[in-house]
Amino acid sequence: MKYLIVGLGNIGLEYEETRHNIGFKVLDALARASNAVFEENRHGAVAVARCKGRALVLLKPGTFMNNSGRAVNYWIQKEKVELARLLIVCDDLALPFGTVRLRAGGSEGGHNGLKSVTDWLGSQAYARLRVGIGDHFRRGGQVDHVLGRWTPDEERYLPAGVTLCEEIVTSFIFAGAERTMSLYNGKRFATGEESRDPA
């Protein structure tokens, strides 16, 4: 069995530690856990890992967030991965920081990266793991919040968040989306006001 696990983000050092790049951060952790190494390839950086007999193609698109679907579409076809074995990891403004949520399909929730994936695949029937980054920003400050760096309080909890995401990805691979949703949706890796930016 082969799975395509995609972390959404933007390439470039200026975006490396921003909230929008949580997908890249989770993919880096998955690669380290499997001693896999990312190599620059067509439309992104790719690492190949194995997990108890499953082949994992880990993809960090190099097409920038708003055109993520181009890379996903290329690699899902190249690797001949079924749509049911595709998982996208991304940030989510609508979820409080410290919250994660897996869905087997559905709307893009205003996320430009997911919208691009849907447009290129012609389907919403793919799993997505959303990591909450909160919506505590001033009016008109959405872009600055999404592309901003984590606060010191958020950084304290990020390792726990990344570890939880790794567990969810592993569960998705071996138990499937529905079972994983029932096991993990509602779990938190942080509490309180860690995502609140100063007024």
C-alpha atoms as a PDB file:
ATOM      1  CA  MET A   1       0.000   0.000   0.000  1.00  0.00           C
ATOM      2  CA  LYS A   2       1.211   3.472  -0.864  1.00  0.00           C
ATOM      3  CA  TYR A   3       0.181   6.761   0.757  1.00  0.00           C
ATOM      4  CA  LEU A   4       0.817  10.363  -0.221  1.00  0.00           C
ATOM      5  CA  ILE A   5       1.211  12.603   2.832  1.00  0.00           C
ATOM      6  CA  VAL A   6       1.388  16.299   1.967  1.00  0.00           C
ATOM      7  CA  GLY A   7       2.309  19.177   4.238  1.00  0.00           C
ATOM      8  CA  LEU A   8       1.218  22.571   2.959  1.00  0.00           C
ATOM      9  CA  GLY A   9       3.404  25.640   3.308  1.00  0.00           C
ATOM     10  CA  ASN A  10       5.489  28.217   1.483  1.00  0.00           C
ATOM     11  CA  ILE A  11       9.089  27.727   0.438  1.00  0.00           C
ATOM     12  CA  GLY A  12      11.817  30.121   1.507  1.00  0.00           C
ATOM     13  CA  LEU A  13      13.590  30.969   4.758  1.00  0.00           C
ATOM     14  CA  GLU A  14      11.276  33.914   5.429  1.00  0.00           C
ATOM     15  CA  TYR A  15       8.328  31.521   5.773  1.00  0.00           C
ATOM     16  CA  GLU A  16      10.082  28.698   7.621  1.00  0.00           C
ATOM     17  CA  GLU A  17       8.794  29.347  11.153  1.00  0.00           C
ATOM     18  CA  THR A  18       5.441  30.899  10.269  1.00  0.00           C
ATOM     19  CA  ARG A  19       2.030  29.565  11.237  1.00  0.00           C
ATOM     20  CA  HIS A  20       1.136  28.871   7.594  1.00  0.00           C
ATOM     21  CA  ASN A  21       4.005  26.371   7.413  1.00  0.00           C
ATOM     22  CA  ILE A  22       2.844  23.967  10.097  1.00  0.00           C
ATOM     23  CA  GLY A  23       2.327  21.362   7.372  1.00  0.00           C
ATOM     24  CA  PHE A  24       6.018  21.501   6.468  1.00  0.00           C
ATOM     25  CA  LYS A  25       6.956  21.191  10.144  1.00  0.00           C
ATOM     26  CA  VAL A  26       4.878  18.016  10.568  1.00  0.00           C
ATOM     27  CA  LEU A  27       6.327  16.493   7.385  1.00  0.00           C
ATOM     28  CA  ASP A  28       9.867  17.210   8.577  1.00  0.00           C
ATOM     29  CA  ALA A  29       9.100  15.332  11.802  1.00  0.00           C
ATOM     30  CA  LEU A  30       7.651  12.362   9.900  1.00  0.00           C
ATOM     31  CA  ALA A  31      10.763  12.193   7.730  1.00  0.00           C
ATOM     32  CA  ARG A  32      13.100  12.332  10.751  1.00  0.00           C
ATOM     33  CA  ALA A  33      11.178   9.536  12.472  1.00  0.00           C
ATOM     34  CA  SER A  34      11.736   7.307   9.432  1.00  0.00           C
ATOM     35  CA  ASN A  35      15.307   8.446   8.709  1.00  0.00           C
ATOM     36  CA  ALA A  36      14.014   9.655   5.349  1.00  0.00           C
ATOM     37  CA  VAL A  37      15.639  12.579   3.580  1.00  0.00           C
ATOM     38  CA  PHE A  38      13.867  15.194   1.492  1.00  0.00           C
ATOM     39  CA  GLU A  39      15.251  15.777  -1.973  1.00  0.00           C
ATOM     40  CA  GLU A  40      14.266  18.534  -4.358  1.00  0.00           C
ATOM     41  CA  ASN A  41      12.147  17.033  -7.088  1.00  0.00           C
ATOM     42  CA  ARG A  42       9.501  18.134  -9.537  1.00  0.00           C
ATOM     43  CA  HIS A  43       7.097  20.618  -7.930  1.00  0.00           C
ATOM     44  CA  GLY A  44       8.508  20.150  -4.445  1.00  0.00           C
ATOM     45  CA  ALA A  45      10.664  18.325  -1.929  1.00  0.00           C
ATOM     46  CA  VAL A  46       9.969  14.599  -1.638  1.00  0.00           C
ATOM     47  CA  ALA A  47      11.020  11.918   0.837  1.00  0.00           C
ATOM     48  CA  VAL A  48      10.117   8.246   0.693  1.00  0.00           C
ATOM     49  CA  ALA A  49       9.618   6.322   3.919  1.00  0.00           C
ATOM     50  CA  ARG A  50       8.312   2.945   4.987  1.00  0.00           C
ATOM     51  CA  CYS A  51       6.117   2.253   7.976  1.00  0.00           C
ATOM     52  CA  LYS A  52       5.379  -1.400   8.800  1.00  0.00           C
ATOM     53  CA  GLY A  53       4.989  -2.424   5.189  1.00  0.00           C
ATOM     54  CA  ARG A  54       3.346   0.783   4.002  1.00  0.00           C
ATOM     55  CA  ALA A  55       5.151   3.045   1.570  1.00  0.00           C
ATOM     56  CA  LEU A  56       4.854   6.742   2.370  1.00  0.00           C
ATOM     57  CA  VAL A  57       5.578   9.462  -0.149  1.00  0.00           C
ATOM     58  CA  LEU A  58       6.089  12.672   1.847  1.00  0.00           C
ATOM     59  CA  LEU A  59       5.621  15.852  -0.165  1.00  0.00           C
ATOM     60  CA  LYS A  60       6.325  19.484   0.650  1.00  0.00           C
ATOM     61  CA  PRO A  61       5.048  21.372  -2.411  1.00  0.00           C
ATOM     62  CA  GLY A  62       7.415  23.926  -3.886  1.00  0.00           C
ATOM     63  CA  THR A  63       4.648  25.703  -5.772  1.00  0.00           C
ATOM     64  CA  PHE A  64       3.693  28.078  -2.927  1.00  0.00           C
ATOM     65  CA  MET A  65       0.487  27.738  -0.933  1.00  0.00           C
ATOM     66  CA  ASN A  66      -1.990  29.096  -3.481  1.00  0.00           C
ATOM     67  CA  ASN A  67      -0.857  26.626  -6.140  1.00  0.00           C
ATOM     68  CA  SER A  68      -0.352  23.581  -3.895  1.00  0.00           C
ATOM     69  CA  GLY A  69      -2.726  21.512  -5.989  1.00  0.00           C
ATOM     70  CA  ARG A  70      -0.343  21.489  -8.933  1.00  0.00           C
ATOM     71  CA  ALA A  71       2.246  19.527  -6.922  1.00  0.00           C
ATOM     72  CA  VAL A  72      -0.332  17.259  -5.274  1.00  0.00           C
ATOM     73  CA  ASN A  73      -1.937  16.399  -8.611  1.00  0.00           C
ATOM     74  CA  TYR A  74       1.426  15.605 -10.196  1.00  0.00           C
ATOM     75  CA  TRP A  75       2.600  13.318  -7.388  1.00  0.00           C
ATOM     76  CA  ILE A  76      -0.682  11.497  -6.831  1.00  0.00           C
ATOM     77  CA  GLN A  77      -0.632  10.563 -10.511  1.00  0.00           C
ATOM     78  CA  LYS A  78       3.080   9.810 -10.684  1.00  0.00           C
ATOM     79  CA  GLU A  79       2.948   7.502  -7.647  1.00  0.00           C
ATOM     80  CA  LYS A  80      -0.484   6.095  -8.590  1.00  0.00           C
ATOM     81  CA  VAL A  81      -1.904   6.790  -5.127  1.00  0.00           C
ATOM     82  CA  GLU A  82      -5.629   6.336  -4.603  1.00  0.00           C
ATOM     83  CA  LEU A  83      -7.487   9.440  -3.416  1.00  0.00           C
ATOM     84  CA  ALA A  84      -8.464   7.589  -0.225  1.00  0.00           C
ATOM     85  CA  ARG A  85      -4.747   7.330   0.641  1.00  0.00           C
ATOM     86  CA  LEU A  86      -4.013  11.031   0.299  1.00  0.00           C
ATOM     87  CA  LEU A  87      -3.687  13.129   3.466  1.00  0.00           C
ATOM     88  CA  ILE A  88      -3.094  16.889   3.505  1.00  0.00           C
ATOM     89  CA  VAL A  89      -1.707  18.584   6.643  1.00  0.00           C
ATOM     90  CA  CYS A  90      -2.378  22.316   6.942  1.00  0.00           C
ATOM     91  CA  ASP A  91      -3.093  25.223   9.280  1.00  0.00           C
ATOM     92  CA  ASP A  92      -6.613  26.379  10.157  1.00  0.00           C
ATOM     93  CA  LEU A  93      -7.674  29.827  11.336  1.00  0.00           C
ATOM     94  CA  ALA A  94     -11.078  28.574  12.458  1.00  0.00           C
ATOM     95  CA  LEU A  95      -9.591  26.221  15.058  1.00  0.00           C
ATOM     96  CA  PRO A  96      -8.083  27.539  18.298  1.00  0.00           C
ATOM     97  CA  PHE A  97      -4.369  27.030  18.745  1.00  0.00           C
ATOM     98  CA  GLY A  98      -3.814  23.653  20.402  1.00  0.00           C
ATOM     99  CA  THR A  99      -6.626  21.950  18.479  1.00  0.00           C
ATOM    100  CA  VAL A 100      -6.347  19.433  15.656  1.00  0.00           C
ATOM    101  CA  ARG A 101      -9.099  18.020  13.483  1.00  0.00           C
ATOM    102  CA  LEU A 102      -9.105  15.289  10.853  1.00  0.00           C
ATOM    103  CA  ARG A 103     -11.760  15.188   8.151  1.00  0.00           C
ATOM    104  CA  ALA A 104     -12.222  12.573   5.428  1.00  0.00           C
ATOM    105  CA  GLY A 105     -13.391  15.224   2.964  1.00  0.00           C
ATOM    106  CA  GLY A 106     -15.580  18.306   2.757  1.00  0.00           C
ATOM    107  CA  SER A 107     -15.159  22.011   2.153  1.00  0.00           C
ATOM    108  CA  GLU A 108     -11.895  23.906   2.085  1.00  0.00           C
ATOM    109  CA  GLY A 109     -13.011  26.334   4.813  1.00  0.00           C
ATOM    110  CA  GLY A 110     -11.511  29.298   2.985  1.00  0.00           C
ATOM    111  CA  HIS A 111      -8.013  27.775   2.937  1.00  0.00           C
ATOM    112  CA  ASN A 112      -6.339  28.714  -0.354  1.00  0.00           C
ATOM    113  CA  GLY A 113      -4.024  25.719  -0.300  1.00  0.00           C
ATOM    114  CA  LEU A 114      -6.887  23.265   0.070  1.00  0.00           C
ATOM    115  CA  LYS A 115      -8.881  25.154  -2.560  1.00  0.00           C
ATOM    116  CA  SER A 116      -6.016  24.696  -5.003  1.00  0.00           C
ATOM    117  CA  VAL A 117      -5.819  20.974  -4.193  1.00  0.00           C
ATOM    118  CA  THR A 118      -9.562  20.581  -4.774  1.00  0.00           C
ATOM    119  CA  ASP A 119      -9.403  22.503  -8.049  1.00  0.00           C
ATOM    120  CA  TRP A 120      -6.539  20.412  -9.408  1.00  0.00           C
ATOM    121  CA  LEU A 121      -7.951  17.067  -8.240  1.00  0.00           C
ATOM    122  CA  GLY A 122     -11.519  17.919  -9.185  1.00  0.00           C
ATOM    123  CA  SER A 123     -12.699  16.432  -5.904  1.00  0.00           C
ATOM    124  CA  GLN A 124     -13.121  17.245  -2.210  1.00  0.00           C
ATOM    125  CA  ALA A 125     -12.968  13.554  -1.283  1.00  0.00           C
ATOM    126  CA  TYR A 126      -9.515  13.588   0.292  1.00  0.00           C
ATOM    127  CA  ALA A 127      -8.503  13.598   3.952  1.00  0.00           C
ATOM    128  CA  ARG A 128      -7.148  16.734   5.579  1.00  0.00           C
ATOM    129  CA  LEU A 129      -5.573  17.184   8.993  1.00  0.00           C
ATOM    130  CA  ARG A 130      -6.102  20.762  10.162  1.00  0.00           C
ATOM    131  CA  VAL A 131      -3.934  22.268  12.888  1.00  0.00           C
ATOM    132  CA  GLY A 132      -5.470  25.228  14.694  1.00  0.00           C
ATOM    133  CA  ILE A 133      -3.594  28.520  14.655  1.00  0.00           C
ATOM    134  CA  GLY A 134      -6.420  30.618  16.135  1.00  0.00           C
ATOM    135  CA  ASP A 135      -8.039  33.797  14.854  1.00  0.00           C
ATOM    136  CA  HIS A 136      -6.840  36.289  17.459  1.00  0.00           C
ATOM    137  CA  PHE A 137      -5.763  39.160  15.264  1.00  0.00           C
ATOM    138  CA  ARG A 138      -6.821  42.745  14.669  1.00  0.00           C
ATOM    139  CA  ARG A 139      -9.335  43.586  11.960  1.00  0.00           C
ATOM    140  CA  GLY A 140      -7.578  43.275   8.602  1.00  0.00           C
ATOM    141  CA  GLY A 141      -4.675  41.406  10.178  1.00  0.00           C
ATOM    142  CA  GLN A 142      -5.405  37.923   8.870  1.00  0.00           C
ATOM    143  CA  VAL A 143      -2.505  37.779   6.424  1.00  0.00           C
ATOM    144  CA  ASP A 144      -0.031  39.056   9.008  1.00  0.00           C
ATOM    145  CA  HIS A 145      -1.297  36.480  11.495  1.00  0.00           C
ATOM    146  CA  VAL A 146      -1.102  33.545   9.092  1.00  0.00           C
ATOM    147  CA  LEU A 147       2.313  34.540   7.776  1.00  0.00           C
ATOM    148  CA  GLY A 148       3.537  35.616  11.200  1.00  0.00           C
ATOM    149  CA  ARG A 149       5.883  33.719  13.455  1.00  0.00           C
ATOM    150  CA  TRP A 150       4.753  31.698  16.432  1.00  0.00           C
ATOM    151  CA  THR A 151       4.630  33.511  19.746  1.00  0.00           C
ATOM    152  CA  PRO A 152       6.964  32.267  22.520  1.00  0.00           C
ATOM    153  CA  ASP A 153       3.962  30.712  24.291  1.00  0.00           C
ATOM    154  CA  GLU A 154       2.906  28.887  21.124  1.00  0.00           C
ATOM    155  CA  GLU A 155       6.433  27.652  20.539  1.00  0.00           C
ATOM    156  CA  ARG A 156       6.406  25.931  23.933  1.00  0.00           C
ATOM    157  CA  TYR A 157       3.519  23.729  22.815  1.00  0.00           C
ATOM    158  CA  LEU A 158       4.495  23.158  19.189  1.00  0.00           C
ATOM    159  CA  PRO A 159       6.562  20.001  19.815  1.00  0.00           C
ATOM    160  CA  ALA A 160       3.543  18.380  21.490  1.00  0.00           C
ATOM    161  CA  GLY A 161       1.374  19.469  18.566  1.00  0.00           C
ATOM    162  CA  VAL A 162       3.731  18.019  16.001  1.00  0.00           C
ATOM    163  CA  THR A 163       3.938  14.741  17.947  1.00  0.00           C
ATOM    164  CA  LEU A 164       0.138  14.531  18.068  1.00  0.00           C
ATOM    165  CA  CYS A 165      -0.016  15.092  14.313  1.00  0.00           C
ATOM    166  CA  GLU A 166       2.511  12.299  13.773  1.00  0.00           C
ATOM    167  CA  GLU A 167       0.274   9.963  15.798  1.00  0.00           C
ATOM    168  CA  ILE A 168      -2.754  10.963  13.750  1.00  0.00           C
ATOM    169  CA  VAL A 169      -0.958  10.380  10.455  1.00  0.00           C
ATOM    170  CA  THR A 170       0.135   6.930  11.623  1.00  0.00           C
ATOM    171  CA  SER A 171      -3.395   6.108  12.757  1.00  0.00           C
ATOM    172  CA  PHE A 172      -4.789   7.303   9.418  1.00  0.00           C
ATOM    173  CA  ILE A 173      -2.458   4.917   7.613  1.00  0.00           C
ATOM    174  CA  PHE A 174      -3.285   1.853   9.711  1.00  0.00           C
ATOM    175  CA  ALA A 175      -6.797   2.493  11.036  1.00  0.00           C
ATOM    176  CA  GLY A 176      -8.311   4.698   8.340  1.00  0.00           C
ATOM    177  CA  ALA A 177      -9.860   8.146   8.468  1.00  0.00           C
ATOM    178  CA  GLU A 178     -13.135   7.357  10.252  1.00  0.00           C
ATOM    179  CA  ARG A 179     -11.546   5.424  13.107  1.00  0.00           C
ATOM    180  CA  THR A 180      -8.818   8.035  13.488  1.00  0.00           C
ATOM    181  CA  MET A 181     -11.390  10.836  13.625  1.00  0.00           C
ATOM    182  CA  SER A 182     -13.188   9.122  16.488  1.00  0.00           C
ATOM    183  CA  LEU A 183      -9.927   8.563  18.358  1.00  0.00           C
ATOM    184  CA  TYR A 184      -8.316  11.967  17.963  1.00  0.00           C
ATOM    185  CA  ASN A 185     -10.787  14.704  17.066  1.00  0.00           C
ATOM    186  CA  GLY A 186     -11.350  16.803  20.149  1.00  0.00           C
ATOM    187  CA  LYS A 187      -7.886  16.166  21.582  1.00  0.00           C
ATOM    188  CA  ARG A 188      -5.774  19.213  22.387  1.00  0.00           C
ATOM    189  CA  PHE A 189      -2.049  19.740  22.728  1.00  0.00           C
ATOM    190  CA  ALA A 190      -2.307  23.135  24.453  1.00  0.00           C
ATOM    191  CA  THR A 191      -4.788  25.040  26.573  1.00  0.00           C
ATOM    192  CA  GLY A 192      -5.443  28.664  27.446  1.00  0.00           C
ATOM    193  CA  GLU A 193      -4.702  31.767  25.394  1.00  0.00           C
ATOM    194  CA  GLU A 194      -1.458  30.768  23.712  1.00  0.00           C
ATOM    195  CA  SER A 195      -2.666  32.007  20.333  1.00  0.00           C
ATOM    196  CA  ARG A 196      -3.742  35.443  21.481  1.00  0.00           C
ATOM    197  CA  ASP A 197      -1.584  38.206  20.018  1.00  0.00           C
ATOM    198  CA  PRO A 198      -0.992  41.281  22.174  1.00  0.00           C
ATOM    199  CA  ALA A 199      -3.458  44.112  21.641  1.00  0.00           C
END
